[in-house]
Each structure stands twice: as structure tokens, then as C-alpha cells.
Amino acid sequence: MSGQYVAYTFYRVDPAWRRLPIDERAAGKDAFAEVVEDWTGRMDRLRAYSLTGVRPDSDFFLWKITERYEDLGELGAALNGTPLAAWLETPYSYLATTKASEYTSARKARKIVPRESPYLVVYPFVKVRPW
């Protein structure tokens, strides 16, 4: 496929995790953050956003953009191998693809080029061919 895969994975931390000893929580967070940091250079974009105080059903989400679909599964497996993963639920996960518009020539096809912004609005939108 020519284009990009864009994924948003939302996570909720089990409230019981907060009762773990501080060093155990820190080790879990550090391992998770290390995987994210390792993968940041392999993808077009990998960024975490906090949802604390914004949504009761999610604490944070990862925004992932890559040209290789396999990256999404490999990253997920690496994150699931961290101690923090045992305490995470995934209430939402969205996957999308980008492609050139039929109204845009192939040479003008654009990639998503994210800016460094502290905020990101995710609005699930479905556009089907019969539309």
C-alpha cells in the first residue's frame, strides 16, 4: 500500500496499580517509556498524550504513524512485554490508512506530517465508498 497507517491506542491504568510500591510502579513506567522511546525513531510518528482529567475511561493514548503495518503489531508486542502492560486496559483502538485522493495526482500525494503540539484532537470519522 502506498500511504501511511495511522493508529490511536487508548489505555486505562487499573486503579489498583496506584497501590503498588513506588519503585515497582517506576520500573513499570520506565520499561514502557523505554519501548516507546526505542520505537520513536522507527516510525513516522509515535507520541504519547495524557488524558488524565479529560476522560474517565482512558488515562493516555499513543498516536502512531508508520508506512509498515507490521510496525503496529511489533510495537504492541513490545509494549505488552513490559510490567506495566499487566495493569493496562485498552478501551479504544482506532486504525486508519491514508491514500492519495482521486482528486490529487500521485506526485502531489501527501503524508501526514505532525507538528509538535501539546494537544491532539481525535475525532473518529468513517467515510465509506457509497458515500
N, C-alpha and C. Protein backbone atom coordinates (compact mmCIF):
# COMPACT_ATOMS: atom_id res chain seq x y z
N MET A 1 0.85 -1.18 0.00
CA MET A 1 0.00 0.00 0.00
C MET A 1 0.89 1.24 0.00
N SER A 2 0.52 2.20 -0.79
CA SER A 2 1.23 3.48 -0.70
C SER A 2 0.41 4.37 0.21
N GLY A 3 1.03 4.94 1.15
CA GLY A 3 0.34 5.75 2.14
C GLY A 3 0.87 5.42 3.51
N GLN A 4 0.10 5.77 4.50
CA GLN A 4 0.51 5.55 5.87
C GLN A 4 -0.60 4.87 6.66
N TYR A 5 -0.20 4.16 7.68
CA TYR A 5 -1.13 3.61 8.66
C TYR A 5 -1.09 4.54 9.86
N VAL A 6 -2.25 4.91 10.33
CA VAL A 6 -2.37 5.81 11.47
C VAL A 6 -3.18 5.08 12.54
N ALA A 7 -2.62 4.96 13.73
CA ALA A 7 -3.31 4.23 14.80
C ALA A 7 -3.32 5.07 16.07
N TYR A 8 -4.42 4.95 16.77
CA TYR A 8 -4.59 5.60 18.07
C TYR A 8 -4.97 4.49 19.04
N THR A 9 -4.17 4.28 20.06
CA THR A 9 -4.47 3.26 21.06
C THR A 9 -4.63 3.96 22.40
N PHE A 10 -5.81 3.79 22.99
CA PHE A 10 -6.13 4.42 24.26
C PHE A 10 -5.95 3.41 25.39
N TYR A 11 -5.37 3.85 26.48
CA TYR A 11 -5.08 2.98 27.61
C TYR A 11 -5.71 3.52 28.89
N ARG A 12 -6.16 2.58 29.70
CA ARG A 12 -6.66 2.91 31.04
C ARG A 12 -5.82 2.10 32.02
N VAL A 13 -5.30 2.75 33.04
CA VAL A 13 -4.49 2.08 34.06
C VAL A 13 -5.42 1.58 35.15
N ASP A 14 -5.29 0.30 35.50
CA ASP A 14 -6.06 -0.28 36.59
C ASP A 14 -5.79 0.53 37.86
N PRO A 15 -6.84 1.01 38.54
CA PRO A 15 -6.62 1.82 39.75
C PRO A 15 -5.79 1.11 40.82
N ALA A 16 -5.82 -0.22 40.85
CA ALA A 16 -5.03 -0.97 41.83
C ALA A 16 -3.53 -0.75 41.63
N TRP A 17 -3.11 -0.40 40.43
CA TRP A 17 -1.69 -0.15 40.14
C TRP A 17 -1.14 0.96 41.04
N ARG A 18 -1.99 1.92 41.35
CA ARG A 18 -1.55 3.06 42.16
C ARG A 18 -1.20 2.66 43.60
N ARG A 19 -1.65 1.47 44.01
CA ARG A 19 -1.35 0.99 45.37
C ARG A 19 -0.08 0.15 45.42
N LEU A 20 0.56 -0.07 44.28
CA LEU A 20 1.82 -0.80 44.26
C LEU A 20 2.92 0.07 44.88
N PRO A 21 4.00 -0.57 45.34
CA PRO A 21 5.13 0.23 45.85
C PRO A 21 5.66 1.16 44.76
N ILE A 22 6.15 2.31 45.18
CA ILE A 22 6.61 3.34 44.24
C ILE A 22 7.67 2.80 43.30
N ASP A 23 8.61 2.01 43.81
CA ASP A 23 9.69 1.51 42.94
C ASP A 23 9.17 0.54 41.89
N GLU A 24 8.14 -0.23 42.23
CA GLU A 24 7.54 -1.15 41.26
C GLU A 24 6.80 -0.38 40.16
N ARG A 25 6.09 0.66 40.57
CA ARG A 25 5.41 1.50 39.57
C ARG A 25 6.42 2.19 38.66
N ALA A 26 7.48 2.71 39.25
CA ALA A 26 8.51 3.41 38.47
C ALA A 26 9.16 2.46 37.47
N ALA A 27 9.44 1.23 37.89
CA ALA A 27 10.06 0.26 36.98
C ALA A 27 9.13 -0.05 35.80
N GLY A 28 7.84 -0.18 36.07
CA GLY A 28 6.88 -0.45 35.01
C GLY A 28 6.77 0.70 34.03
N LYS A 29 6.69 1.92 34.56
CA LYS A 29 6.62 3.11 33.70
C LYS A 29 7.89 3.27 32.88
N ASP A 30 9.03 3.05 33.52
CA ASP A 30 10.31 3.21 32.82
C ASP A 30 10.44 2.22 31.67
N ALA A 31 10.04 0.96 31.91
CA ALA A 31 10.13 -0.06 30.86
C ALA A 31 9.22 0.29 29.69
N PHE A 32 8.01 0.73 29.99
CA PHE A 32 7.05 1.12 28.95
C PHE A 32 7.60 2.31 28.15
N ALA A 33 8.09 3.33 28.87
CA ALA A 33 8.64 4.52 28.22
C ALA A 33 9.87 4.18 27.38
N GLU A 34 10.66 3.22 27.82
CA GLU A 34 11.85 2.83 27.06
C GLU A 34 11.46 2.20 25.72
N VAL A 35 10.41 1.38 25.73
CA VAL A 35 9.93 0.79 24.48
C VAL A 35 9.44 1.89 23.55
N VAL A 36 8.66 2.82 24.07
CA VAL A 36 8.15 3.93 23.25
C VAL A 36 9.32 4.72 22.68
N GLU A 37 10.30 5.02 23.50
CA GLU A 37 11.46 5.79 23.03
C GLU A 37 12.23 5.02 21.95
N ASP A 38 12.42 3.72 22.15
CA ASP A 38 13.13 2.91 21.16
C ASP A 38 12.41 2.91 19.81
N TRP A 39 11.09 2.89 19.86
CA TRP A 39 10.30 2.82 18.62
C TRP A 39 10.09 4.18 17.97
N THR A 40 10.31 5.26 18.68
CA THR A 40 10.06 6.59 18.13
C THR A 40 10.82 6.83 16.83
N GLY A 41 12.04 6.37 16.73
CA GLY A 41 12.83 6.58 15.52
C GLY A 41 12.48 5.65 14.38
N ARG A 42 11.72 4.59 14.66
CA ARG A 42 11.38 3.61 13.63
C ARG A 42 10.10 3.97 12.88
N MET A 43 9.30 4.84 13.45
CA MET A 43 8.01 5.18 12.85
C MET A 43 8.03 6.64 12.42
N ASP A 44 7.08 6.99 11.54
CA ASP A 44 6.95 8.39 11.14
C ASP A 44 6.56 9.25 12.33
N ARG A 45 5.80 8.66 13.25
CA ARG A 45 5.39 9.37 14.45
C ARG A 45 5.00 8.35 15.51
N LEU A 46 5.43 8.60 16.72
CA LEU A 46 4.99 7.85 17.89
C LEU A 46 5.04 8.83 19.04
N ARG A 47 3.87 9.14 19.57
CA ARG A 47 3.80 10.15 20.62
C ARG A 47 2.71 9.79 21.61
N ALA A 48 2.98 10.04 22.87
CA ALA A 48 2.01 9.78 23.94
C ALA A 48 1.33 11.08 24.35
N TYR A 49 0.04 10.98 24.66
CA TYR A 49 -0.72 12.13 25.15
C TYR A 49 -1.47 11.71 26.41
N SER A 50 -1.48 12.56 27.40
CA SER A 50 -2.19 12.30 28.64
C SER A 50 -3.66 12.68 28.50
N LEU A 51 -4.51 11.86 29.08
CA LEU A 51 -5.94 12.15 29.11
C LEU A 51 -6.43 12.29 30.56
N THR A 52 -5.49 12.37 31.48
CA THR A 52 -5.83 12.48 32.89
C THR A 52 -6.70 13.71 33.11
N GLY A 53 -7.86 13.50 33.72
CA GLY A 53 -8.78 14.59 33.99
C GLY A 53 -9.65 14.97 32.81
N VAL A 54 -9.46 14.30 31.67
CA VAL A 54 -10.24 14.63 30.47
C VAL A 54 -11.30 13.57 30.20
N ARG A 55 -10.90 12.29 30.35
CA ARG A 55 -11.83 11.19 30.09
C ARG A 55 -11.76 10.21 31.26
N PRO A 56 -12.90 9.75 31.75
CA PRO A 56 -12.85 8.80 32.86
C PRO A 56 -12.48 7.37 32.42
N ASP A 57 -12.58 7.10 31.12
CA ASP A 57 -12.35 5.73 30.64
C ASP A 57 -10.97 5.52 30.04
N SER A 58 -10.14 6.55 29.99
CA SER A 58 -8.79 6.45 29.43
C SER A 58 -7.86 7.39 30.18
N ASP A 59 -6.62 6.94 30.37
CA ASP A 59 -5.62 7.76 31.05
C ASP A 59 -4.62 8.39 30.09
N PHE A 60 -4.31 7.67 28.99
CA PHE A 60 -3.39 8.20 28.00
C PHE A 60 -3.60 7.46 26.69
N PHE A 61 -3.05 8.02 25.61
CA PHE A 61 -3.10 7.30 24.34
C PHE A 61 -1.81 7.50 23.58
N LEU A 62 -1.56 6.56 22.67
CA LEU A 62 -0.41 6.63 21.78
C LEU A 62 -0.91 6.92 20.37
N TRP A 63 -0.29 7.88 19.73
CA TRP A 63 -0.56 8.22 18.34
C TRP A 63 0.59 7.65 17.53
N LYS A 64 0.26 6.77 16.59
CA LYS A 64 1.29 6.06 15.82
C LYS A 64 1.04 6.26 14.34
N ILE A 65 2.10 6.61 13.61
CA ILE A 65 2.02 6.75 12.16
C ILE A 65 3.21 6.00 11.57
N THR A 66 2.94 5.11 10.63
CA THR A 66 4.00 4.32 10.02
C THR A 66 3.61 3.91 8.61
N GLU A 67 4.60 3.59 7.81
CA GLU A 67 4.35 3.08 6.47
C GLU A 67 4.31 1.55 6.46
N ARG A 68 4.74 0.94 7.55
CA ARG A 68 4.75 -0.53 7.65
C ARG A 68 3.68 -0.97 8.65
N TYR A 69 2.69 -1.70 8.17
CA TYR A 69 1.63 -2.20 9.05
C TYR A 69 2.20 -3.07 10.16
N GLU A 70 3.24 -3.83 9.83
CA GLU A 70 3.85 -4.75 10.80
C GLU A 70 4.39 -4.01 12.03
N ASP A 71 4.78 -2.75 11.84
CA ASP A 71 5.29 -1.97 12.98
C ASP A 71 4.27 -1.90 14.11
N LEU A 72 3.01 -1.81 13.77
CA LEU A 72 1.97 -1.66 14.79
C LEU A 72 1.90 -2.90 15.68
N GLY A 73 1.94 -4.08 15.07
CA GLY A 73 1.91 -5.32 15.84
C GLY A 73 3.18 -5.55 16.63
N GLU A 74 4.31 -5.23 16.03
CA GLU A 74 5.59 -5.42 16.71
C GLU A 74 5.71 -4.47 17.91
N LEU A 75 5.28 -3.24 17.73
CA LEU A 75 5.29 -2.30 18.85
C LEU A 75 4.35 -2.77 19.95
N GLY A 76 3.15 -3.21 19.57
CA GLY A 76 2.19 -3.72 20.55
C GLY A 76 2.76 -4.88 21.35
N ALA A 77 3.44 -5.81 20.68
CA ALA A 77 4.04 -6.95 21.37
C ALA A 77 5.12 -6.48 22.34
N ALA A 78 5.93 -5.52 21.92
CA ALA A 78 6.99 -5.00 22.79
C ALA A 78 6.39 -4.31 24.02
N LEU A 79 5.33 -3.53 23.83
CA LEU A 79 4.69 -2.86 24.96
C LEU A 79 4.04 -3.88 25.90
N ASN A 80 3.44 -4.92 25.33
CA ASN A 80 2.81 -5.96 26.15
C ASN A 80 3.82 -6.77 26.95
N GLY A 81 5.08 -6.68 26.58
CA GLY A 81 6.13 -7.37 27.33
C GLY A 81 6.65 -6.59 28.53
N THR A 82 6.11 -5.41 28.77
CA THR A 82 6.56 -4.61 29.90
C THR A 82 5.71 -4.91 31.14
N PRO A 83 6.26 -4.68 32.34
CA PRO A 83 5.48 -4.93 33.56
C PRO A 83 4.20 -4.08 33.64
N LEU A 84 4.22 -2.89 33.08
CA LEU A 84 3.04 -2.02 33.14
C LEU A 84 1.87 -2.61 32.37
N ALA A 85 2.15 -3.37 31.32
CA ALA A 85 1.08 -3.90 30.47
C ALA A 85 0.07 -4.74 31.24
N ALA A 86 0.50 -5.41 32.30
CA ALA A 86 -0.42 -6.23 33.10
C ALA A 86 -1.49 -5.38 33.78
N TRP A 87 -1.24 -4.09 33.87
CA TRP A 87 -2.15 -3.18 34.56
C TRP A 87 -2.93 -2.28 33.59
N LEU A 88 -2.79 -2.52 32.30
CA LEU A 88 -3.43 -1.67 31.30
C LEU A 88 -4.62 -2.35 30.64
N GLU A 89 -5.65 -1.57 30.39
CA GLU A 89 -6.78 -1.98 29.56
C GLU A 89 -6.76 -1.08 28.33
N THR A 90 -7.33 -1.57 27.24
CA THR A 90 -7.40 -0.79 26.00
C THR A 90 -8.87 -0.57 25.65
N PRO A 91 -9.48 0.50 26.17
CA PRO A 91 -10.89 0.72 25.89
C PRO A 91 -11.18 1.10 24.44
N TYR A 92 -10.21 1.71 23.76
CA TYR A 92 -10.40 2.11 22.37
C TYR A 92 -9.12 1.91 21.59
N SER A 93 -9.28 1.53 20.35
CA SER A 93 -8.14 1.43 19.44
C SER A 93 -8.67 1.69 18.04
N TYR A 94 -8.10 2.66 17.38
CA TYR A 94 -8.54 3.02 16.03
C TYR A 94 -7.39 2.87 15.05
N LEU A 95 -7.69 2.36 13.88
CA LEU A 95 -6.70 2.19 12.82
C LEU A 95 -7.25 2.82 11.55
N ALA A 96 -6.42 3.58 10.88
CA ALA A 96 -6.81 4.23 9.63
C ALA A 96 -5.66 4.13 8.64
N THR A 97 -5.97 4.38 7.40
CA THR A 97 -4.93 4.46 6.38
C THR A 97 -5.10 5.77 5.63
N THR A 98 -4.02 6.22 5.08
CA THR A 98 -4.08 7.41 4.23
C THR A 98 -3.79 6.96 2.81
N LYS A 99 -4.34 7.66 1.89
CA LYS A 99 -4.04 7.39 0.48
C LYS A 99 -4.32 8.67 -0.29
N ALA A 100 -3.78 8.71 -1.47
CA ALA A 100 -4.00 9.89 -2.30
C ALA A 100 -5.47 9.98 -2.67
N SER A 101 -5.98 11.17 -2.71
CA SER A 101 -7.35 11.41 -3.12
C SER A 101 -7.46 11.18 -4.63
N GLU A 102 -8.63 10.77 -5.06
CA GLU A 102 -8.83 10.63 -6.51
C GLU A 102 -8.74 11.99 -7.20
N TYR A 103 -8.80 13.05 -6.41
CA TYR A 103 -8.72 14.40 -6.97
C TYR A 103 -7.30 14.97 -6.94
N THR A 104 -6.36 14.17 -6.43
CA THR A 104 -4.97 14.61 -6.31
C THR A 104 -4.08 13.68 -7.12
N SER A 105 -3.19 14.24 -7.88
CA SER A 105 -2.27 13.40 -8.66
C SER A 105 -1.32 12.68 -7.71
N ALA A 106 -0.78 11.55 -8.16
CA ALA A 106 0.12 10.74 -7.33
C ALA A 106 1.34 11.55 -6.88
N ARG A 107 1.83 12.43 -7.74
CA ARG A 107 3.01 13.19 -7.35
C ARG A 107 2.70 14.24 -6.28
N LYS A 108 1.42 14.55 -6.11
CA LYS A 108 1.04 15.51 -5.08
C LYS A 108 0.52 14.82 -3.82
N ALA A 109 0.58 13.49 -3.80
CA ALA A 109 0.10 12.76 -2.63
C ALA A 109 0.85 13.24 -1.39
N ARG A 110 0.14 13.42 -0.32
CA ARG A 110 0.74 13.98 0.89
C ARG A 110 0.81 12.94 1.99
N LYS A 111 1.78 13.12 2.82
CA LYS A 111 1.89 12.33 4.03
C LYS A 111 1.44 13.21 5.19
N ILE A 112 1.02 12.55 6.25
CA ILE A 112 0.72 13.29 7.46
C ILE A 112 2.06 13.70 8.06
N VAL A 113 2.23 14.97 8.27
CA VAL A 113 3.46 15.49 8.87
C VAL A 113 3.05 16.21 10.15
N PRO A 114 3.11 15.50 11.26
CA PRO A 114 2.65 16.08 12.52
C PRO A 114 3.54 17.22 13.00
N ARG A 115 2.92 18.14 13.66
CA ARG A 115 3.67 19.23 14.30
C ARG A 115 3.86 18.89 15.77
N GLU A 116 4.74 19.60 16.41
CA GLU A 116 4.97 19.40 17.84
C GLU A 116 3.95 20.24 18.61
N SER A 117 2.83 19.66 18.90
CA SER A 117 1.79 20.36 19.63
C SER A 117 1.49 19.59 20.92
N PRO A 118 1.22 20.30 21.99
CA PRO A 118 0.93 19.59 23.24
C PRO A 118 -0.45 18.94 23.24
N TYR A 119 -1.29 19.24 22.24
CA TYR A 119 -2.64 18.71 22.20
C TYR A 119 -2.93 18.08 20.85
N LEU A 120 -3.79 17.08 20.87
CA LEU A 120 -4.23 16.43 19.65
C LEU A 120 -5.70 16.06 19.84
N VAL A 121 -6.54 16.42 18.91
CA VAL A 121 -7.95 16.06 18.96
C VAL A 121 -8.16 14.87 18.04
N VAL A 122 -8.72 13.79 18.60
CA VAL A 122 -9.01 12.59 17.83
C VAL A 122 -10.51 12.53 17.63
N TYR A 123 -10.93 12.56 16.38
CA TYR A 123 -12.34 12.52 16.04
C TYR A 123 -12.55 11.36 15.09
N PRO A 124 -13.05 10.22 15.59
CA PRO A 124 -13.28 9.08 14.69
C PRO A 124 -14.29 9.45 13.60
N PHE A 125 -13.93 9.21 12.38
CA PHE A 125 -14.77 9.54 11.24
C PHE A 125 -14.69 8.40 10.25
N VAL A 126 -15.83 7.95 9.77
CA VAL A 126 -15.85 6.85 8.81
C VAL A 126 -16.40 7.37 7.50
N LYS A 127 -15.64 7.15 6.45
CA LYS A 127 -16.08 7.53 5.11
C LYS A 127 -16.06 6.25 4.28
N VAL A 128 -17.21 5.86 3.82
CA VAL A 128 -17.29 4.62 3.04
C VAL A 128 -17.49 4.95 1.57
N ARG A 129 -17.14 4.03 0.72
CA ARG A 129 -17.22 4.27 -0.73
C ARG A 129 -18.60 4.71 -1.20
N PRO A 130 -19.72 4.10 -0.75
CA PRO A 130 -21.03 4.54 -1.23
C PRO A 130 -21.33 6.00 -0.90
N TRP A 131 -20.60 6.56 0.02
CA TRP A 131 -20.78 7.94 0.42
C TRP A 131 -20.54 8.83 -0.76
